[in-house]
Amino acid sequence: MPMQHQPRHEQQLSYQVAKTATAVTMGGSLMLLSGLTLTATIIGLVVVTPLLVIFSPVLVPAALTTFFILAGFLASGSFGATATFVFYWMYRYATGKHPIGADKIDYAREKLSNAAQDMKEKAEQLAAQPGNKGTTVQDST
């Protein structure tokens, strides 16, 4: 006898049932784990709270000191890493290796140079006008 193939509908149905069973099992397991974690957290807080109240005059300043020390080290390390990167970028820029953003720096430098040149020309024009003593600058617009 040849094997009979299951209709496509029954295969899809069994696949759907397997997916649903897996999802329910996983979801139930995770919900159980979540509940156990919440219970353990509450029990831990109930046990530790009296100790925290008793030792709080010591623990609060110690925690604050630890926090500020760690924040200082983190800030110092971050500033040091940033400075190292900036020096590396400046070295690459100075040696002509065209780091990221160098074109923007060149564009800004060119704009500033043009603006300075325009201001210089305007100042020379104002100084060359007759009757201008050079002590006051008036807007010629």
N, C-alpha and C. Protein backbone atom coordinates (compact mmCIF):
# COMPACT_ATOMS: atom_id res chain seq x y z
N MET A 1 0.81 -1.17 0.00
CA MET A 1 0.00 0.00 0.00
C MET A 1 0.86 1.25 0.00
N PRO A 2 0.56 2.15 -0.88
CA PRO A 2 1.32 3.39 -0.88
C PRO A 2 0.92 4.26 0.32
N MET A 3 1.91 5.05 0.78
CA MET A 3 1.64 5.95 1.91
C MET A 3 0.74 7.08 1.44
N GLN A 4 -0.20 7.35 2.25
CA GLN A 4 -1.10 8.45 1.91
C GLN A 4 -0.55 9.72 2.54
N HIS A 5 -0.55 10.77 1.74
CA HIS A 5 -0.06 12.06 2.24
C HIS A 5 -1.19 12.78 2.95
N GLN A 6 -0.83 13.47 4.05
CA GLN A 6 -1.83 14.25 4.76
C GLN A 6 -2.20 15.45 3.92
N PRO A 7 -3.43 15.82 3.95
CA PRO A 7 -3.81 17.03 3.23
C PRO A 7 -3.07 18.24 3.79
N ARG A 8 -2.91 19.23 2.96
CA ARG A 8 -2.18 20.45 3.32
C ARG A 8 -2.82 21.14 4.54
N HIS A 9 -4.11 21.11 4.62
CA HIS A 9 -4.83 21.76 5.72
C HIS A 9 -4.47 21.12 7.06
N GLU A 10 -4.37 19.79 7.09
CA GLU A 10 -4.04 19.11 8.35
C GLU A 10 -2.60 19.40 8.76
N GLN A 11 -1.70 19.53 7.79
CA GLN A 11 -0.30 19.87 8.11
C GLN A 11 -0.23 21.27 8.71
N GLN A 12 -0.95 22.20 8.10
CA GLN A 12 -0.95 23.56 8.63
C GLN A 12 -1.57 23.59 10.02
N LEU A 13 -2.62 22.81 10.24
CA LEU A 13 -3.28 22.79 11.54
C LEU A 13 -2.35 22.22 12.60
N SER A 14 -1.64 21.13 12.29
CA SER A 14 -0.73 20.55 13.27
C SER A 14 0.44 21.50 13.55
N TYR A 15 0.90 22.20 12.52
CA TYR A 15 1.96 23.19 12.70
C TYR A 15 1.47 24.32 13.60
N GLN A 16 0.25 24.77 13.39
CA GLN A 16 -0.33 25.85 14.21
C GLN A 16 -0.49 25.40 15.66
N VAL A 17 -0.91 24.16 15.86
CA VAL A 17 -1.07 23.62 17.22
C VAL A 17 0.30 23.54 17.90
N ALA A 18 1.32 23.10 17.18
CA ALA A 18 2.66 23.01 17.75
C ALA A 18 3.19 24.39 18.12
N LYS A 19 2.97 25.38 17.24
CA LYS A 19 3.39 26.75 17.54
C LYS A 19 2.69 27.28 18.78
N THR A 20 1.39 27.05 18.86
CA THR A 20 0.61 27.54 20.00
C THR A 20 1.06 26.87 21.29
N ALA A 21 1.28 25.57 21.25
CA ALA A 21 1.72 24.85 22.45
C ALA A 21 3.08 25.34 22.91
N THR A 22 3.97 25.57 21.96
CA THR A 22 5.30 26.09 22.31
C THR A 22 5.20 27.48 22.92
N ALA A 23 4.36 28.33 22.32
CA ALA A 23 4.21 29.69 22.84
C ALA A 23 3.61 29.69 24.23
N VAL A 24 2.61 28.83 24.46
CA VAL A 24 1.99 28.77 25.79
C VAL A 24 2.99 28.24 26.82
N THR A 25 3.76 27.24 26.45
CA THR A 25 4.75 26.69 27.37
C THR A 25 5.82 27.72 27.71
N MET A 26 6.34 28.40 26.67
CA MET A 26 7.36 29.42 26.91
C MET A 26 6.80 30.58 27.73
N GLY A 27 5.62 31.05 27.35
CA GLY A 27 5.00 32.16 28.08
C GLY A 27 4.72 31.81 29.52
N GLY A 28 4.20 30.61 29.76
CA GLY A 28 3.92 30.18 31.13
C GLY A 28 5.19 30.06 31.94
N SER A 29 6.24 29.51 31.32
CA SER A 29 7.52 29.38 32.04
C SER A 29 8.07 30.76 32.40
N LEU A 30 8.00 31.70 31.46
CA LEU A 30 8.51 33.04 31.75
C LEU A 30 7.67 33.76 32.80
N MET A 31 6.36 33.54 32.77
CA MET A 31 5.50 34.14 33.80
C MET A 31 5.82 33.56 35.17
N LEU A 32 6.05 32.26 35.24
CA LEU A 32 6.42 31.61 36.50
C LEU A 32 7.76 32.17 37.00
N LEU A 33 8.72 32.29 36.11
CA LEU A 33 10.02 32.84 36.48
C LEU A 33 9.89 34.28 36.95
N SER A 34 9.05 35.06 36.28
CA SER A 34 8.81 36.44 36.69
C SER A 34 8.19 36.51 38.08
N GLY A 35 7.22 35.65 38.34
CA GLY A 35 6.59 35.61 39.66
C GLY A 35 7.57 35.22 40.75
N LEU A 36 8.40 34.23 40.47
CA LEU A 36 9.40 33.81 41.46
C LEU A 36 10.41 34.93 41.73
N THR A 37 10.79 35.64 40.68
CA THR A 37 11.72 36.76 40.86
C THR A 37 11.10 37.86 41.70
N LEU A 38 9.84 38.18 41.44
CA LEU A 38 9.15 39.20 42.23
C LEU A 38 9.05 38.77 43.69
N THR A 39 8.70 37.50 43.92
CA THR A 39 8.59 37.00 45.29
C THR A 39 9.94 37.06 46.01
N ALA A 40 11.01 36.64 45.32
CA ALA A 40 12.34 36.69 45.93
C ALA A 40 12.76 38.12 46.23
N THR A 41 12.39 39.06 45.34
CA THR A 41 12.73 40.47 45.57
C THR A 41 12.01 41.00 46.80
N ILE A 42 10.74 40.69 46.92
CA ILE A 42 9.97 41.17 48.09
C ILE A 42 10.51 40.57 49.37
N ILE A 43 10.80 39.27 49.37
CA ILE A 43 11.35 38.63 50.57
C ILE A 43 12.71 39.24 50.91
N GLY A 44 13.52 39.46 49.90
CA GLY A 44 14.83 40.08 50.13
C GLY A 44 14.71 41.47 50.73
N LEU A 45 13.77 42.26 50.23
CA LEU A 45 13.57 43.60 50.78
C LEU A 45 13.08 43.53 52.23
N VAL A 46 12.19 42.60 52.53
CA VAL A 46 11.69 42.46 53.91
C VAL A 46 12.84 42.09 54.85
N VAL A 47 13.72 41.24 54.41
CA VAL A 47 14.84 40.81 55.26
C VAL A 47 15.89 41.92 55.40
N VAL A 48 16.17 42.64 54.30
CA VAL A 48 17.28 43.60 54.29
C VAL A 48 16.88 44.97 54.83
N THR A 49 15.61 45.33 54.77
CA THR A 49 15.18 46.67 55.18
C THR A 49 15.61 47.03 56.61
N PRO A 50 15.41 46.15 57.61
CA PRO A 50 15.88 46.53 58.95
C PRO A 50 17.39 46.78 59.00
N LEU A 51 18.15 45.99 58.26
CA LEU A 51 19.60 46.21 58.23
C LEU A 51 19.94 47.56 57.59
N LEU A 52 19.22 47.90 56.53
CA LEU A 52 19.46 49.18 55.88
C LEU A 52 19.12 50.35 56.81
N VAL A 53 18.05 50.21 57.56
CA VAL A 53 17.67 51.28 58.49
C VAL A 53 18.72 51.42 59.58
N ILE A 54 19.21 50.30 60.10
CA ILE A 54 20.21 50.34 61.17
C ILE A 54 21.53 50.93 60.67
N PHE A 55 21.97 50.51 59.48
CA PHE A 55 23.27 50.93 58.97
C PHE A 55 23.21 52.12 58.03
N SER A 56 22.06 52.76 57.87
CA SER A 56 21.95 53.87 56.92
C SER A 56 22.87 55.05 57.24
N PRO A 57 23.14 55.38 58.51
CA PRO A 57 24.08 56.48 58.74
C PRO A 57 25.47 56.21 58.17
N VAL A 58 25.82 54.96 57.98
CA VAL A 58 27.11 54.62 57.40
C VAL A 58 26.97 54.35 55.90
N LEU A 59 25.90 53.68 55.52
CA LEU A 59 25.76 53.24 54.13
C LEU A 59 25.48 54.38 53.16
N VAL A 60 24.65 55.35 53.58
CA VAL A 60 24.30 56.45 52.66
C VAL A 60 25.54 57.27 52.30
N PRO A 61 26.33 57.73 53.26
CA PRO A 61 27.54 58.46 52.87
C PRO A 61 28.51 57.59 52.08
N ALA A 62 28.62 56.32 52.43
CA ALA A 62 29.52 55.43 51.70
C ALA A 62 29.04 55.25 50.26
N ALA A 63 27.72 55.11 50.09
CA ALA A 63 27.17 54.95 48.74
C ALA A 63 27.38 56.23 47.93
N LEU A 64 27.14 57.39 48.56
CA LEU A 64 27.35 58.65 47.84
C LEU A 64 28.82 58.84 47.47
N THR A 65 29.70 58.52 48.40
CA THR A 65 31.12 58.65 48.11
C THR A 65 31.53 57.72 46.97
N THR A 66 31.06 56.49 47.02
CA THR A 66 31.37 55.54 45.95
C THR A 66 30.83 56.03 44.62
N PHE A 67 29.60 56.54 44.63
CA PHE A 67 29.00 57.06 43.40
C PHE A 67 29.83 58.19 42.81
N PHE A 68 30.23 59.15 43.67
CA PHE A 68 30.99 60.29 43.16
C PHE A 68 32.38 59.88 42.69
N ILE A 69 33.00 58.93 43.38
CA ILE A 69 34.31 58.46 42.94
C ILE A 69 34.20 57.78 41.58
N LEU A 70 33.20 56.90 41.43
CA LEU A 70 33.01 56.22 40.15
C LEU A 70 32.64 57.20 39.04
N ALA A 71 31.79 58.19 39.37
CA ALA A 71 31.42 59.19 38.36
C ALA A 71 32.65 60.00 37.95
N GLY A 72 33.51 60.33 38.90
CA GLY A 72 34.73 61.06 38.58
C GLY A 72 35.66 60.27 37.69
N PHE A 73 35.85 58.98 38.01
CA PHE A 73 36.70 58.14 37.17
C PHE A 73 36.11 57.99 35.77
N LEU A 74 34.79 57.83 35.70
CA LEU A 74 34.14 57.69 34.40
C LEU A 74 34.28 58.97 33.58
N ALA A 75 34.05 60.12 34.22
CA ALA A 75 34.19 61.39 33.51
C ALA A 75 35.64 61.61 33.08
N SER A 76 36.57 61.31 33.96
CA SER A 76 37.99 61.48 33.63
C SER A 76 38.39 60.59 32.46
N GLY A 77 37.95 59.35 32.48
CA GLY A 77 38.25 58.44 31.39
C GLY A 77 37.62 58.89 30.08
N SER A 78 36.39 59.38 30.16
CA SER A 78 35.71 59.86 28.96
C SER A 78 36.42 61.08 28.37
N PHE A 79 36.78 62.02 29.23
CA PHE A 79 37.48 63.20 28.75
C PHE A 79 38.84 62.82 28.17
N GLY A 80 39.53 61.89 28.80
CA GLY A 80 40.81 61.44 28.29
C GLY A 80 40.68 60.76 26.92
N ALA A 81 39.67 59.92 26.79
CA ALA A 81 39.45 59.25 25.50
C ALA A 81 39.10 60.26 24.42
N THR A 82 38.27 61.24 24.78
CA THR A 82 37.89 62.28 23.82
C THR A 82 39.12 63.09 23.40
N ALA A 83 39.92 63.47 24.37
CA ALA A 83 41.13 64.24 24.06
C ALA A 83 42.09 63.44 23.18
N THR A 84 42.21 62.15 23.46
CA THR A 84 43.07 61.31 22.63
C THR A 84 42.56 61.26 21.20
N PHE A 85 41.26 61.12 21.04
CA PHE A 85 40.68 61.09 19.69
C PHE A 85 40.89 62.43 18.99
N VAL A 86 40.71 63.53 19.71
CA VAL A 86 40.88 64.85 19.10
C VAL A 86 42.34 65.04 18.66
N PHE A 87 43.28 64.65 19.50
CA PHE A 87 44.69 64.76 19.11
C PHE A 87 45.00 63.89 17.90
N TYR A 88 44.44 62.70 17.86
CA TYR A 88 44.64 61.81 16.72
C TYR A 88 44.05 62.43 15.46
N TRP A 89 42.85 63.01 15.59
CA TRP A 89 42.20 63.66 14.44
C TRP A 89 43.04 64.83 13.94
N MET A 90 43.52 65.65 14.90
CA MET A 90 44.33 66.81 14.52
C MET A 90 45.64 66.37 13.85
N TYR A 91 46.25 65.30 14.32
CA TYR A 91 47.46 64.78 13.70
C TYR A 91 47.19 64.35 12.27
N ARG A 92 46.09 63.62 12.06
CA ARG A 92 45.75 63.19 10.70
C ARG A 92 45.44 64.39 9.81
N TYR A 93 44.78 65.39 10.38
CA TYR A 93 44.46 66.59 9.60
C TYR A 93 45.74 67.35 9.23
N ALA A 94 46.65 67.47 10.19
CA ALA A 94 47.89 68.22 9.96
C ALA A 94 48.81 67.50 8.98
N THR A 95 48.75 66.18 8.95
CA THR A 95 49.61 65.44 8.03
C THR A 95 48.96 65.23 6.67
N GLY A 96 47.75 65.79 6.48
CA GLY A 96 47.10 65.74 5.17
C GLY A 96 46.40 64.44 4.85
N LYS A 97 46.04 63.66 5.85
CA LYS A 97 45.38 62.38 5.60
C LYS A 97 43.87 62.49 5.47
N HIS A 98 43.33 63.70 5.56
CA HIS A 98 41.91 64.01 5.34
C HIS A 98 40.98 63.15 6.20
N PRO A 99 40.96 63.40 7.53
CA PRO A 99 40.03 62.65 8.39
C PRO A 99 38.58 63.09 8.16
N ILE A 100 37.67 62.36 8.77
CA ILE A 100 36.25 62.67 8.64
C ILE A 100 35.99 64.08 9.16
N GLY A 101 35.28 64.90 8.39
CA GLY A 101 34.93 66.25 8.79
C GLY A 101 35.95 67.30 8.38
N ALA A 102 37.04 66.90 7.77
CA ALA A 102 38.07 67.86 7.39
C ALA A 102 37.56 68.83 6.34
N ASP A 103 36.70 68.35 5.45
CA ASP A 103 36.16 69.25 4.42
C ASP A 103 35.31 70.35 5.04
N LYS A 104 34.59 70.04 6.12
CA LYS A 104 33.79 71.08 6.80
C LYS A 104 34.70 72.11 7.46
N ILE A 105 35.80 71.64 8.04
CA ILE A 105 36.76 72.56 8.66
C ILE A 105 37.35 73.48 7.60
N ASP A 106 37.72 72.91 6.45
CA ASP A 106 38.28 73.72 5.37
C ASP A 106 37.27 74.75 4.86
N TYR A 107 36.01 74.34 4.75
CA TYR A 107 34.97 75.25 4.29
C TYR A 107 34.77 76.40 5.28
N ALA A 108 34.73 76.06 6.58
CA ALA A 108 34.57 77.09 7.61
C ALA A 108 35.77 78.04 7.62
N ARG A 109 36.97 77.50 7.46
CA ARG A 109 38.16 78.34 7.43
C ARG A 109 38.11 79.29 6.23
N GLU A 110 37.67 78.79 5.09
CA GLU A 110 37.57 79.62 3.90
C GLU A 110 36.54 80.74 4.09
N LYS A 111 35.41 80.38 4.71
CA LYS A 111 34.37 81.40 4.96
C LYS A 111 34.89 82.47 5.90
N LEU A 112 35.57 82.06 6.96
CA LEU A 112 36.13 83.04 7.91
C LEU A 112 37.18 83.91 7.24
N SER A 113 37.98 83.32 6.41
CA SER A 113 39.01 84.08 5.70
C SER A 113 38.37 85.11 4.78
N ASN A 114 37.34 84.71 4.06
CA ASN A 114 36.64 85.65 3.17
C ASN A 114 35.99 86.78 3.96
N ALA A 115 35.37 86.43 5.10
CA ALA A 115 34.74 87.46 5.93
C ALA A 115 35.78 88.43 6.47
N ALA A 116 36.92 87.92 6.89
CA ALA A 116 37.99 88.78 7.40
C ALA A 116 38.52 89.69 6.29
N GLN A 117 38.67 89.15 5.10
CA GLN A 117 39.13 89.96 3.97
C GLN A 117 38.12 91.06 3.65
N ASP A 118 36.83 90.74 3.67
CA ASP A 118 35.79 91.74 3.42
C ASP A 118 35.83 92.84 4.48
N MET A 119 36.00 92.45 5.74
CA MET A 119 36.07 93.45 6.81
C MET A 119 37.30 94.34 6.64
N LYS A 120 38.41 93.76 6.25
CA LYS A 120 39.63 94.53 6.04
C LYS A 120 39.43 95.55 4.92
N GLU A 121 38.82 95.12 3.82
CA GLU A 121 38.57 96.04 2.71
C GLU A 121 37.61 97.15 3.12
N LYS A 122 36.58 96.81 3.87
CA LYS A 122 35.62 97.83 4.32
C LYS A 122 36.30 98.83 5.24
N ALA A 123 37.17 98.35 6.13
CA ALA A 123 37.88 99.25 7.04
C ALA A 123 38.83 100.17 6.26
N GLU A 124 39.48 99.63 5.23
CA GLU A 124 40.36 100.47 4.41
C GLU A 124 39.57 101.52 3.66
N GLN A 125 38.38 101.15 3.18
CA GLN A 125 37.53 102.13 2.47
C GLN A 125 37.08 103.23 3.43
N LEU A 126 36.68 102.87 4.63
CA LEU A 126 36.24 103.87 5.60
C LEU A 126 37.39 104.79 6.00
N ALA A 127 38.57 104.22 6.14
CA ALA A 127 39.73 105.03 6.53
C ALA A 127 40.15 105.97 5.40
N ALA A 128 39.90 105.58 4.16
CA ALA A 128 40.32 106.40 3.01
C ALA A 128 39.33 107.52 2.71
N GLN A 129 38.14 107.49 3.29
CA GLN A 129 37.14 108.53 3.01
C GLN A 129 37.62 109.85 3.60
N PRO A 130 37.44 110.95 2.84
CA PRO A 130 37.86 112.25 3.37
C PRO A 130 36.96 112.67 4.54
N GLY A 131 37.53 113.29 5.49
CA GLY A 131 36.78 113.78 6.65
C GLY A 131 36.64 112.73 7.73
N ASN A 132 37.12 111.53 7.52
CA ASN A 132 37.04 110.48 8.52
C ASN A 132 38.32 110.50 9.32
N LYS A 133 38.23 110.80 10.60
CA LYS A 133 39.42 110.92 11.43
C LYS A 133 39.91 109.57 11.95
N GLY A 134 39.11 108.52 11.72
CA GLY A 134 39.52 107.20 12.15
C GLY A 134 39.15 106.89 13.58
N THR A 135 38.58 107.88 14.29
CA THR A 135 38.24 107.62 15.69
C THR A 135 36.83 107.07 15.81
N THR A 136 35.97 107.39 14.86
CA THR A 136 34.60 106.84 14.90
C THR A 136 34.32 106.12 13.60
N VAL A 137 33.62 105.04 13.72
CA VAL A 137 33.22 104.27 12.55
C VAL A 137 31.72 104.36 12.44
N GLN A 138 31.24 104.85 11.30
CA GLN A 138 29.80 104.97 11.08
C GLN A 138 29.37 103.96 10.04
N ASP A 139 28.16 103.49 10.19
CA ASP A 139 27.61 102.53 9.24
C ASP A 139 27.28 103.26 7.95
N SER A 140 27.77 102.79 6.80
CA SER A 140 27.56 103.46 5.53
C SER A 140 26.39 102.88 4.77
N THR A 141 25.56 102.10 5.40
CA THR A 141 24.42 101.52 4.68
C THR A 141 23.24 102.42 4.67
